[in-house]
């Protein structure tokens, strides 16, 4: 299972919390790339509800958050 920020972004608006089957259904309905579907199929087959993409890919960083921007540094340039 290989995730990238681009692939994970297809699940940002998923109906969280969601089970594996609900995520697969959502990805299919929204036209997510096949790699997203392949990654979801590789999840364990339990009925656990995932609270967000971070439960699936712990290293995910929301692209809306800018962790590299420092407001204080703006004055120096």
Protein backbone atom coordinates (compact mmCIF):
# COMPACT_ATOMS: atom_id res chain seq x y z
CA UNK A 1 0.00 0.00 0.00
CA UNK A 2 1.60 3.23 -1.16
CA UNK A 3 -0.01 6.56 -0.31
CA UNK A 4 0.96 9.98 -1.56
CA UNK A 5 -0.59 13.31 -0.57
CA UNK A 6 -2.26 13.43 -3.99
CA UNK A 7 -3.86 10.00 -3.55
CA UNK A 8 -4.94 10.70 0.02
CA UNK A 9 -6.54 13.97 -1.07
CA UNK A 10 -9.22 11.95 -2.88
CA UNK A 11 -10.48 10.83 0.55
CA UNK A 12 -10.43 14.20 2.32
CA UNK A 13 -14.16 14.73 1.77
CA UNK A 14 -15.14 11.13 2.49
CA UNK A 15 -18.01 10.63 4.94
CA UNK A 16 -15.84 10.10 8.04
CA UNK A 17 -16.07 7.97 10.14
CA UNK A 18 -16.26 5.23 7.53
CA UNK A 19 -15.61 1.52 7.23
CA UNK A 20 -13.40 -0.01 4.55
CA UNK A 21 -16.42 -0.86 2.38
CA UNK A 22 -17.87 2.66 2.73
CA UNK A 23 -14.53 4.17 1.69
CA UNK A 24 -14.30 1.89 -1.33
CA UNK A 25 -17.85 2.82 -2.32
CA UNK A 26 -17.05 6.53 -1.90
CA UNK A 27 -13.85 6.25 -3.95
CA UNK A 28 -15.68 4.44 -6.75
CA UNK A 29 -18.53 6.98 -6.84
CA UNK A 30 -16.17 9.96 -6.91
CA UNK A 31 -13.91 8.56 -9.61
CA UNK A 32 -10.77 8.19 -7.49
CA UNK A 33 -7.74 6.71 -9.28
CA UNK A 34 -7.30 2.94 -9.29
CA UNK A 35 -4.31 3.25 -6.91
CA UNK A 36 -6.66 4.67 -4.24
CA UNK A 37 -9.01 1.74 -4.69
CA UNK A 38 -6.12 -0.73 -4.60
CA UNK A 39 -4.86 0.84 -1.36
CA UNK A 40 -8.31 0.65 0.22
CA UNK A 41 -8.69 -3.00 -0.78
CA UNK A 42 -5.44 -3.72 1.07
CA UNK A 43 -6.87 -2.49 4.38
CA UNK A 44 -7.70 -5.17 6.93
CA UNK A 45 -11.14 -6.71 6.50
CA UNK A 46 -12.53 -5.77 9.89
CA UNK A 47 -15.57 -3.57 10.47
CA UNK A 48 -13.58 -0.85 12.18
CA UNK A 49 -14.73 2.67 11.38
CA UNK A 50 -11.82 4.89 10.39
CA UNK A 51 -12.09 8.42 11.80
CA UNK A 52 -10.01 10.04 9.07
CA UNK A 53 -7.25 9.52 6.54
CA UNK A 54 -4.74 9.70 9.40
CA UNK A 55 -6.10 6.34 10.65
CA UNK A 56 -5.26 4.80 7.29
CA UNK A 57 -2.01 6.67 6.61
CA UNK A 58 -0.53 8.00 9.88
CA UNK A 59 2.09 10.11 8.07
CA UNK A 60 -0.54 12.12 6.19
CA UNK A 61 -0.19 15.88 6.38
CA UNK A 62 -3.25 17.86 5.38
CA UNK A 63 -2.33 19.96 2.35
CA UNK A 64 -4.41 22.84 3.75
CA UNK A 65 -1.98 23.10 6.65
CA UNK A 66 1.30 24.81 5.84
CA UNK A 67 3.80 23.43 8.32
CA UNK A 68 6.72 25.12 6.62
CA UNK A 69 5.40 28.67 6.71
CA UNK A 70 6.60 30.79 9.57
CA UNK A 71 4.82 34.11 9.94
CA UNK A 72 7.83 35.62 11.76
CA UNK A 73 10.17 34.86 8.87
CA UNK A 74 8.04 36.93 6.49
CA UNK A 75 9.52 40.16 7.87
CA UNK A 76 13.06 39.06 7.12
CA UNK A 77 12.67 38.78 3.36
